[in-house]
Amino acid sequence: MEKLKHQFTSRDLAALIIPLIADSFLSILIGMADTIMVSRCGEAAVSGVSLVDTVSNLLINVFNAFATGGAVVVSQYLGHKENENARESARNLVYIAVIISVIMTVILLPIRESMISFLFGSITEEVRINTDAYFVPILLSYPFLAVYSSLTALSRSERKSFRTMMVSILMNAINIGGNAFLIYHEGMGPRGAGIASLSSRIAGCIVMLILMMNPKEDLNLRGLLKGPFSPRLIAKILRIGIPSGLEGAAFHIGKIMVQSLTASLGTSAIAINAVGNNFNAYSNIPGNGINLAMITIVGQCRGQNNIRDVKYYTKLLLSLVFITTVMINIPLLVFAPDVIRFYGLEANSIYTAIPICILCLIMCTTIWPFAFSLPNMLKAVGDVRFILLASFTSMWVFRVGGAYFMVRVLGMGVEAIWYAMYLDWAFRGILYICRVARGKWQEKRVI
C-alpha cells in the first residue's frame, strides 16, 4: 500500500521553521539589548525601559494581531491557489497597518506622561523621567513597526522566512550599534536605547518594502498606493484580526495591571520582574518561531481543506516546541545565576530573582506550549472567538485576580506575580487541549 504524502516535505518545514526560530531570537534581542545595555545606568533605567515595554507590547500586539489575520487569509488563499486574492489581501493588510498605527501614535504622543502616571502612579520620579525618555522614540516607531510586522507575516505566508531572518539581523545590528554609541558614548541612557530601536524599525520597514515590490514576488506590492481598497478582503482580515487583537489586548491590559501591582512593590521588584520577563522570552524563542510557522502550515492545509494534515502538523509542531524548548532551557537552567548578574541588580535582588527565573524555565518547558502553541493552530483555521473567550477568562481570573489576591490579601512579594501567571497558563492550556481534541474547529471557515 502506497504511503500517503503530506502537504509539506521535511525540507519545506526546515526551510520555514529554522529561519523563524532565528528570527524569533533576533526580534526578542532588540528589546533584550535595550534592557541589558541600559542596565549600566542603574535599576531606575532598567525599570523605566521595562515599564514602557509592558505598555508597548500591548500596542505591538494589535499590529501583530492584524498581521496574523492577514497571514491566515493569505495562507488559505495560497493553499487554495487563489493567488490574485492573496495579493489583494496583502495590499489591504498594509493599508490596515498604516491607518491603525498612525492613529495610535498621534493619539498617544501628547498623553504619554498622563498614561504612565495613570498606569504606574507609584513609581519614583527618576523612573518616571527614564520612562518618558524611552517612550517618545518608541511611539514614533510604531508606523514603521506595524508595516514591517505585516510584511514579515506576508513573507512567512509565502514561506520566505529566510528573508525575514536576514532583515532581523540588519535591524539588530543597527539597534545594538546604536545602543552602544548613544548609551555608552553619548551617555543618553534610555532615550538613546529608544532612538536606536526607532532607527532599526525604520530600516526594517524600508528594506521589506523594497523586497516586496519585486515583480517576481508572489505577493508583490507594486501599485500599493493605487489600491484597490477592498472592503470584502478587509472584512476577512478583520474577522481574524479583531478577535485576535481583543484577545491580545485583554492579555496585555491584564499584564499592565499586574505590572502596576509590581510597581507598588518598589523599584527592585520592577527590575526583578524585568529580568524574569527576559528569561521567559529566552525560553520561548524556539516555540515562538515554530508557532509562527504553524500559521502558514496549518493555514495552507486548511485552505486546501486538508484536515488530515492539519491534525498531523499540529501534533508534529507541538512536539517540536517541547523538544526545542527543553534544548534551550537546559543551558539556561545551568547558567541562570550568571546570566542574572549581568543585569546590574543589587545583591538582594539577585537572590530573589534566581528562584523566580529557574521556576519560569521549568514552567515554560512543561505547560507553556499548550497555552501558546495550540491557539495558533486554532487561529490558522479561523477558530478565533473561542481563543478570545478562553484567554479573556483565564487572564482576568487567574493572572490578574490571582496576583492581586496573593499580593494584597496574602502579603506575598514579586514571586506571586509569577505564580498567578502559571495558573493562567495551565487553565488556558487545558481549554485549548479540549477544543482541539473535540474537533469543533473543523466547522470554521475563513475563505
Protein backbone atom coordinates (compact mmCIF):
# COMPACT_ATOMS: atom_id res chain seq x y z
CA MET A 1 0.00 0.00 0.00
CA GLU A 2 1.43 3.38 -1.03
CA LYS A 3 2.27 5.68 1.85
CA LEU A 4 0.14 8.84 1.88
CA LYS A 5 2.14 12.00 1.21
CA HIS A 6 1.82 15.07 3.36
CA GLN A 7 1.44 18.60 2.04
CA PHE A 8 4.90 19.73 3.19
CA THR A 9 8.18 17.84 2.94
CA SER A 10 10.69 17.73 5.79
CA ARG A 11 12.86 20.11 3.76
CA ASP A 12 9.92 22.54 3.40
CA LEU A 13 9.40 22.52 7.16
CA ALA A 14 13.09 23.04 7.94
CA ALA A 15 13.38 25.87 5.42
CA LEU A 16 10.44 27.64 7.06
CA ILE A 17 11.00 26.86 10.74
CA ILE A 18 14.76 27.30 11.21
CA PRO A 19 14.85 30.91 9.96
CA LEU A 20 11.72 31.68 12.01
CA ILE A 21 13.38 30.43 15.20
CA ALA A 22 16.40 32.60 14.40
CA ASP A 23 14.05 35.49 13.58
CA SER A 24 12.24 34.99 16.89
CA PHE A 25 15.55 35.24 18.72
CA LEU A 26 16.55 38.35 16.79
CA SER A 27 13.19 40.03 17.43
CA ILE A 28 13.50 39.43 21.15
CA LEU A 29 17.11 40.57 21.08
CA ILE A 30 16.06 44.13 20.19
CA GLY A 31 14.10 44.60 23.42
CA MET A 32 16.58 42.48 25.38
CA ALA A 33 19.51 44.59 24.15
CA ASP A 34 17.75 47.76 25.31
CA THR A 35 17.29 46.31 28.81
CA ILE A 36 20.79 44.84 29.15
CA MET A 37 22.70 47.75 27.62
CA VAL A 38 20.79 50.36 29.60
CA SER A 39 21.39 48.42 32.84
CA ARG A 40 24.70 50.22 33.33
CA CYS A 41 22.59 53.33 34.03
CA GLY A 42 21.07 51.67 37.15
CA GLU A 43 17.86 49.99 38.30
CA ALA A 44 15.78 53.11 37.63
CA ALA A 45 16.76 53.00 33.95
CA VAL A 46 16.03 49.25 33.72
CA SER A 47 12.68 49.83 35.39
CA GLY A 48 11.81 52.69 33.03
CA VAL A 49 12.54 50.60 29.93
CA SER A 50 10.62 47.66 31.41
CA LEU A 51 7.50 49.75 32.10
CA VAL A 52 7.47 51.17 28.58
CA ASP A 53 7.95 47.70 27.10
CA THR A 54 4.94 46.50 29.08
CA VAL A 55 2.73 49.22 27.55
CA SER A 56 4.39 48.94 24.16
CA ASN A 57 3.78 45.19 23.98
CA LEU A 58 0.04 45.87 24.24
CA LEU A 59 0.16 48.15 21.20
CA ILE A 60 2.55 45.93 19.26
CA ASN A 61 0.16 43.06 19.89
CA VAL A 62 -2.53 44.97 17.99
CA PHE A 63 -0.23 45.24 14.97
CA ASN A 64 0.67 41.58 15.23
CA ALA A 65 -3.00 40.58 15.56
CA PHE A 66 -3.91 42.22 12.25
CA ALA A 67 -0.73 40.85 10.68
CA THR A 68 -1.83 37.40 11.85
CA GLY A 69 -5.28 37.96 10.40
CA GLY A 70 -3.73 38.88 7.08
CA ALA A 71 -1.35 35.91 7.22
CA VAL A 72 -4.22 33.47 7.84
CA VAL A 73 -6.27 34.85 4.94
CA VAL A 74 -3.29 34.95 2.57
CA SER A 75 -2.09 31.46 3.61
CA GLN A 76 -5.50 29.97 2.96
CA TYR A 77 -5.81 31.72 -0.41
CA LEU A 78 -2.34 30.47 -1.39
CA GLY A 79 -3.27 26.97 -0.26
CA HIS A 80 -6.42 27.21 -2.38
CA LYS A 81 -4.36 28.50 -5.37
CA GLU A 82 -6.21 31.86 -5.45
CA ASN A 83 -3.09 33.97 -5.94
CA GLU A 84 -4.81 37.17 -7.06
CA ASN A 85 -6.99 37.23 -3.94
CA ALA A 86 -3.84 36.57 -1.92
CA ARG A 87 -2.08 39.59 -3.49
CA GLU A 88 -5.06 41.88 -2.93
CA SER A 89 -5.32 40.71 0.68
CA ALA A 90 -1.64 41.52 1.17
CA ARG A 91 -2.11 45.10 -0.06
CA ASN A 92 -5.16 45.63 2.13
CA LEU A 93 -3.27 44.33 5.17
CA VAL A 94 -0.68 47.07 4.65
CA TYR A 95 -3.45 49.70 4.44
CA ILE A 96 -4.86 48.50 7.77
CA ALA A 97 -1.40 48.55 9.39
CA VAL A 98 -0.67 52.12 8.30
CA ILE A 99 -4.04 53.52 9.35
CA ILE A 100 -4.14 51.90 12.79
CA SER A 101 -0.51 52.62 13.71
CA VAL A 102 -0.62 56.28 12.69
CA ILE A 103 -3.82 56.83 14.65
CA MET A 104 -2.25 55.21 17.73
CA THR A 105 0.89 57.32 17.51
CA VAL A 106 -1.00 60.59 17.03
CA ILE A 107 -3.30 59.87 19.98
CA LEU A 108 -0.69 58.59 22.42
CA LEU A 109 2.18 61.04 21.92
CA PRO A 110 0.52 64.02 23.67
CA ILE A 111 -0.94 61.92 26.52
CA ARG A 112 2.04 59.63 27.18
CA GLU A 113 3.00 61.15 30.53
CA SER A 114 -0.58 61.10 31.81
CA MET A 115 -0.93 57.49 30.70
CA ILE A 116 2.23 56.41 32.52
CA SER A 117 1.11 58.26 35.65
CA PHE A 118 -2.31 56.61 35.48
CA LEU A 119 -0.89 53.13 34.98
CA PHE A 120 2.15 53.31 37.26
CA GLY A 121 1.41 56.15 39.63
CA SER A 122 3.55 54.83 42.49
CA ILE A 123 6.88 54.87 40.59
CA THR A 124 9.68 57.21 41.66
CA GLU A 125 10.42 60.45 39.82
CA GLU A 126 13.70 59.02 38.50
CA VAL A 127 11.90 56.04 36.98
CA ARG A 128 9.25 58.36 35.52
CA ILE A 129 11.88 60.50 33.76
CA ASN A 130 13.57 57.44 32.27
CA THR A 131 10.21 56.07 31.18
CA ASP A 132 9.28 59.22 29.23
CA ALA A 133 12.74 59.48 27.63
CA TYR A 134 12.42 55.96 26.22
CA PHE A 135 8.73 56.16 25.32
CA VAL A 136 8.88 59.06 22.81
CA PRO A 137 11.07 57.38 20.16
CA ILE A 138 9.26 54.06 20.71
CA LEU A 139 5.91 55.73 19.95
CA LEU A 140 7.36 57.30 16.79
CA SER A 141 8.49 53.86 15.63
CA TYR A 142 5.01 52.29 15.62
CA PRO A 143 4.00 53.04 11.98
CA PHE A 144 7.27 51.56 10.74
CA LEU A 145 6.95 48.56 13.05
CA ALA A 146 3.33 47.94 12.02
CA VAL A 147 4.19 47.87 8.32
CA TYR A 148 7.28 45.75 8.99
CA SER A 149 5.20 43.25 11.02
CA SER A 150 2.65 42.99 8.22
CA LEU A 151 5.30 42.45 5.56
CA THR A 152 7.12 39.79 7.56
CA ALA A 153 3.81 37.99 8.17
CA LEU A 154 3.17 38.03 4.43
CA SER A 155 6.67 36.70 3.72
CA ARG A 156 6.03 33.84 6.12
CA SER A 157 2.78 33.08 4.32
CA GLU A 158 4.73 32.51 1.10
CA ARG A 159 7.37 30.52 3.05
CA LYS A 160 10.15 33.11 2.65
CA SER A 161 11.24 33.10 6.27
CA PHE A 162 14.97 33.25 5.42
CA ARG A 163 14.40 36.77 4.14
CA THR A 164 12.74 37.91 7.35
CA MET A 165 15.65 36.45 9.31
CA MET A 166 18.20 38.43 7.29
CA VAL A 167 16.27 41.66 7.75
CA SER A 168 16.12 40.94 11.50
CA ILE A 169 19.90 40.57 11.53
CA LEU A 170 20.19 44.01 9.92
CA MET A 171 17.76 45.52 12.43
CA ASN A 172 19.62 44.04 15.39
CA ALA A 173 22.95 45.28 14.08
CA ILE A 174 21.51 48.80 13.83
CA ASN A 175 19.86 48.55 17.26
CA ILE A 176 22.87 47.18 19.13
CA GLY A 177 25.30 49.51 17.34
CA GLY A 178 23.02 52.45 18.06
CA ASN A 179 22.72 51.43 21.71
CA ALA A 180 26.49 51.18 22.06
CA PHE A 181 27.01 54.63 20.57
CA LEU A 182 24.09 56.50 22.13
CA ILE A 183 24.15 54.89 25.60
CA TYR A 184 27.85 54.30 26.17
CA HIS A 185 29.48 57.03 24.07
CA GLU A 186 26.88 59.79 24.18
CA GLY A 187 25.50 58.95 27.64
CA MET A 188 21.87 59.24 26.52
CA GLY A 189 20.59 56.32 28.63
CA PRO A 190 17.03 55.12 27.90
CA ARG A 191 16.47 57.86 25.31
CA GLY A 192 19.42 56.51 23.33
CA ALA A 193 18.02 52.98 23.55
CA GLY A 194 14.69 54.24 22.19
CA ILE A 195 16.31 56.12 19.30
CA ALA A 196 18.31 53.01 18.36
CA SER A 197 15.09 50.93 18.31
CA LEU A 198 13.37 53.59 16.17
CA SER A 199 16.25 53.57 13.68
CA SER A 200 16.24 49.78 13.41
CA ARG A 201 12.48 49.67 12.79
CA ILE A 202 12.66 52.33 10.07
CA ALA A 203 15.41 50.36 8.34
CA GLY A 204 13.50 47.07 8.60
CA CYS A 205 10.34 48.63 7.18
CA ILE A 206 12.14 50.20 4.22
CA VAL A 207 14.07 47.04 3.32
CA MET A 208 10.97 44.83 3.49
CA LEU A 209 9.01 47.26 1.32
CA ILE A 210 11.75 47.22 -1.31
CA LEU A 211 11.83 43.41 -1.30
CA MET A 212 8.05 43.12 -1.57
CA MET A 213 7.99 45.45 -4.59
CA ASN A 214 9.82 42.86 -6.70
CA PRO A 215 7.53 41.98 -9.66
CA LYS A 216 8.58 38.32 -9.33
CA GLU A 217 7.20 38.24 -5.79
CA ASP A 218 4.08 36.09 -5.32
CA LEU A 219 2.62 38.79 -3.07
CA ASN A 220 4.28 41.77 -4.74
CA LEU A 221 3.05 45.18 -3.62
CA ARG A 222 3.69 47.14 -6.80
CA GLY A 223 0.98 49.74 -7.23
CA LEU A 224 0.38 49.75 -3.49
CA LEU A 225 -0.70 53.40 -3.49
CA LYS A 226 -3.22 52.80 -6.29
CA GLY A 227 -5.29 50.22 -4.43
CA PRO A 228 -7.71 48.55 -4.68
CA PHE A 229 -9.11 49.14 -1.21
CA SER A 230 -11.31 46.04 -0.84
CA PRO A 231 -13.97 46.02 1.90
CA ARG A 232 -14.56 42.32 1.20
CA LEU A 233 -10.95 41.31 1.84
CA ILE A 234 -10.53 43.72 4.73
CA ALA A 235 -13.59 42.13 6.34
CA LYS A 236 -11.93 38.70 6.07
CA ILE A 237 -8.73 40.03 7.66
CA LEU A 238 -10.66 41.77 10.42
CA ARG A 239 -12.68 38.61 11.10
CA ILE A 240 -9.42 37.08 12.33
CA GLY A 241 -7.62 40.26 13.35
CA ILE A 242 -10.24 41.83 15.61
CA PRO A 243 -10.81 38.81 17.89
CA SER A 244 -7.05 38.20 17.93
CA GLY A 245 -6.46 41.85 18.76
CA LEU A 246 -9.09 41.84 21.51
CA GLU A 247 -7.60 38.64 22.93
CA GLY A 248 -4.12 40.13 22.90
CA ALA A 249 -5.37 43.46 24.24
CA ALA A 250 -7.11 41.78 27.17
CA PHE A 251 -3.94 39.78 27.79
CA HIS A 252 -1.66 42.80 27.79
CA ILE A 253 -4.04 45.06 29.71
CA GLY A 254 -4.04 42.39 32.36
CA LYS A 255 -0.23 42.34 32.24
CA ILE A 256 -0.17 46.13 32.65
CA MET A 257 -2.41 45.86 35.71
CA VAL A 258 -0.11 43.23 37.11
CA GLN A 259 2.89 45.41 36.26
CA SER A 260 1.23 48.25 38.14
CA LEU A 261 0.88 45.91 41.09
CA THR A 262 4.57 45.03 40.71
CA ALA A 263 5.46 48.74 40.64
CA SER A 264 3.76 49.16 44.01
CA LEU A 265 6.28 46.69 45.44
CA GLY A 266 9.19 49.03 44.64
CA THR A 267 11.92 49.66 42.08
CA SER A 268 13.72 46.44 42.98
CA ALA A 269 10.59 44.37 42.27
CA ILE A 270 10.18 46.08 38.87
CA ALA A 271 13.78 45.25 37.97
CA ILE A 272 13.46 41.63 39.16
CA ASN A 273 10.27 41.25 37.14
CA ALA A 274 12.02 42.69 34.06
CA VAL A 275 14.79 40.10 34.37
CA GLY A 276 12.22 37.31 34.78
CA ASN A 277 10.40 38.53 31.67
CA ASN A 278 13.64 38.31 29.72
CA PHE A 279 14.15 34.71 30.89
CA ASN A 280 10.60 33.96 29.81
CA ALA A 281 11.43 35.43 26.40
CA TYR A 282 14.70 33.47 26.09
CA SER A 283 12.96 30.22 26.94
CA ASN A 284 10.23 30.63 24.36
CA ILE A 285 12.41 31.65 21.42
CA PRO A 286 12.14 28.33 19.53
CA GLY A 287 8.48 27.92 20.47
CA ASN A 288 7.57 31.36 19.15
CA GLY A 289 9.33 30.64 15.88
CA ILE A 290 7.51 27.33 15.44
CA ASN A 291 4.22 29.00 16.40
CA LEU A 292 4.67 31.48 13.55
CA ALA A 293 5.31 28.60 11.17
CA MET A 294 2.10 26.95 12.39
CA ILE A 295 0.03 29.84 10.98
CA THR A 296 1.45 29.26 7.50
CA ILE A 297 1.50 25.46 7.56
CA VAL A 298 -1.91 24.86 9.11
CA GLY A 299 -3.43 27.79 7.18
CA GLN A 300 -2.34 26.40 3.82
CA CYS A 301 -3.55 22.91 4.76
CA ARG A 302 -6.91 24.34 5.79
CA GLY A 303 -7.07 26.33 2.55
CA GLN A 304 -6.95 23.01 0.70
CA ASN A 305 -9.46 21.54 3.18
CA ASN A 306 -6.79 19.01 4.13
CA ILE A 307 -8.00 18.17 7.65
CA ARG A 308 -5.75 15.12 7.87
CA ASP A 309 -2.61 17.27 7.52
CA VAL A 310 -3.98 19.96 9.84
CA LYS A 311 -4.08 17.31 12.59
CA TYR A 312 -0.75 15.79 11.58
CA TYR A 313 1.19 19.06 11.53
CA THR A 314 -0.42 20.29 14.75
CA LYS A 315 0.92 17.23 16.59
CA LEU A 316 4.29 17.43 14.85
CA LEU A 317 4.83 21.13 15.51
CA LEU A 318 3.67 20.89 19.12
CA SER A 319 6.18 18.09 19.66
CA LEU A 320 8.91 20.25 18.12
CA VAL A 321 8.04 23.08 20.51
CA PHE A 322 8.53 20.78 23.51
CA ILE A 323 11.79 19.34 22.18
CA THR A 324 13.39 22.67 21.25
CA THR A 325 12.26 24.32 24.50
CA VAL A 326 13.96 21.58 26.51
CA MET A 327 17.12 22.03 24.44
CA ILE A 328 17.34 25.77 25.08
CA ASN A 329 16.28 25.61 28.73
CA ILE A 330 18.88 23.13 29.94
CA PRO A 331 21.82 25.56 29.48
CA LEU A 332 19.67 28.44 30.75
CA LEU A 333 18.99 26.50 33.96
CA VAL A 334 22.69 25.77 34.41
CA PHE A 335 23.83 29.34 33.85
CA ALA A 336 20.82 31.22 35.27
CA PRO A 337 22.68 32.81 38.23
CA ASP A 338 25.49 34.05 35.99
CA VAL A 339 23.05 35.50 33.43
CA ILE A 340 21.06 37.31 36.14
CA ARG A 341 24.20 39.03 37.44
CA PHE A 342 24.66 40.70 34.03
CA TYR A 343 21.63 42.89 34.67
CA GLY A 344 23.30 45.04 37.31
CA LEU A 345 20.84 44.20 40.09
CA GLU A 346 21.69 44.70 43.72
CA ALA A 347 22.70 41.65 45.79
CA ASN A 348 19.30 41.17 47.46
CA SER A 349 17.53 41.49 44.11
CA ILE A 350 19.78 38.84 42.57
CA TYR A 351 18.99 36.47 45.46
CA THR A 352 15.24 36.93 44.86
CA ALA A 353 15.47 36.74 41.07
CA ILE A 354 17.31 33.39 40.82
CA PRO A 355 14.46 31.06 42.03
CA ILE A 356 11.88 33.10 40.07
CA CYS A 357 13.83 32.66 36.83
CA ILE A 358 14.54 28.97 37.40
CA LEU A 359 10.87 28.17 38.06
CA CYS A 360 9.95 30.18 34.96
CA LEU A 361 12.19 27.97 32.81
CA ILE A 362 10.56 24.83 34.23
CA MET A 363 7.02 26.10 33.56
CA CYS A 364 7.95 27.20 30.05
CA THR A 365 9.16 23.67 29.37
CA THR A 366 6.06 21.89 30.68
CA ILE A 367 2.88 23.96 30.24
CA TRP A 368 3.67 26.96 28.01
CA PRO A 369 3.38 25.04 24.69
CA PHE A 370 -0.23 24.02 25.38
CA ALA A 371 -1.18 27.59 26.29
CA PHE A 372 0.55 29.37 23.40
CA SER A 373 1.14 26.90 20.55
CA LEU A 374 -2.32 25.32 20.27
CA PRO A 375 -4.11 28.68 19.90
CA ASN A 376 -2.00 29.41 16.80
CA MET A 377 -3.38 26.26 15.23
CA LEU A 378 -6.91 27.43 16.09
CA LYS A 379 -6.21 30.88 14.63
CA ALA A 380 -4.91 29.34 11.41
CA VAL A 381 -8.23 27.52 10.86
CA GLY A 382 -10.30 30.56 11.89
CA ASP A 383 -11.47 29.46 15.35
CA VAL A 384 -10.63 32.83 16.92
CA ARG A 385 -13.74 33.51 19.02
CA PHE A 386 -13.06 30.56 21.26
CA ILE A 387 -9.50 31.79 21.82
CA LEU A 388 -10.84 35.21 22.79
CA LEU A 389 -13.25 33.75 25.35
CA ALA A 390 -10.75 31.30 26.81
CA SER A 391 -7.85 33.72 27.14
CA PHE A 392 -10.01 36.57 28.45
CA THR A 393 -11.49 34.39 31.20
CA SER A 394 -8.18 32.83 32.18
CA MET A 395 -6.25 36.10 32.17
CA TRP A 396 -8.60 38.02 34.40
CA VAL A 397 -9.50 35.24 36.79
CA PHE A 398 -6.07 33.71 37.32
CA ARG A 399 -3.30 36.10 36.30
CA VAL A 400 -4.88 39.38 37.41
CA GLY A 401 -7.21 38.15 40.15
CA GLY A 402 -4.72 35.61 41.46
CA ALA A 403 -1.85 38.11 41.56
CA TYR A 404 -3.85 40.74 43.44
CA PHE A 405 -5.15 38.14 45.89
CA MET A 406 -1.69 36.77 46.65
CA VAL A 407 -0.08 40.22 47.00
CA ARG A 408 -2.86 42.24 48.66
CA VAL A 409 -4.51 39.53 50.76
CA LEU A 410 -1.73 37.02 51.43
CA GLY A 411 1.03 39.65 51.60
CA MET A 412 3.35 37.87 49.16
CA GLY A 413 6.08 39.60 47.13
CA VAL A 414 7.03 39.71 43.46
CA GLU A 415 7.06 35.89 43.24
CA ALA A 416 3.24 35.97 43.47
CA ILE A 417 3.08 37.65 40.06
CA TRP A 418 4.71 34.59 38.56
CA TYR A 419 2.64 32.00 40.44
CA ALA A 420 -0.54 33.65 39.15
CA MET A 421 0.84 33.59 35.60
CA TYR A 422 1.44 29.83 35.78
CA LEU A 423 -2.15 29.26 36.91
CA ASP A 424 -3.27 31.23 33.86
CA TRP A 425 -1.09 29.15 31.54
CA ALA A 426 -2.34 25.86 32.98
CA PHE A 427 -6.03 26.78 32.74
CA ARG A 428 -5.95 28.09 29.17
CA GLY A 429 -3.78 25.11 28.13
CA ILE A 430 -6.45 22.72 29.37
CA LEU A 431 -9.15 24.63 27.46
CA TYR A 432 -7.18 24.55 24.20
CA ILE A 433 -6.37 20.84 24.51
CA CYS A 434 -10.08 20.09 24.92
CA ARG A 435 -11.03 22.33 21.98
CA VAL A 436 -8.55 20.76 19.59
CA ALA A 437 -9.45 17.23 20.70
CA ARG A 438 -13.21 17.77 20.25
CA GLY A 439 -12.73 18.97 16.66
CA LYS A 440 -15.20 21.89 16.68
CA TRP A 441 -12.59 23.92 14.79
CA GLN A 442 -13.36 21.86 11.66
CA GLU A 443 -16.62 23.79 11.27
CA LYS A 444 -14.85 27.15 10.89
CA ARG A 445 -14.34 28.89 7.51
CA VAL A 446 -12.20 31.88 6.53
CA ILE A 447 -12.32 31.93 2.70
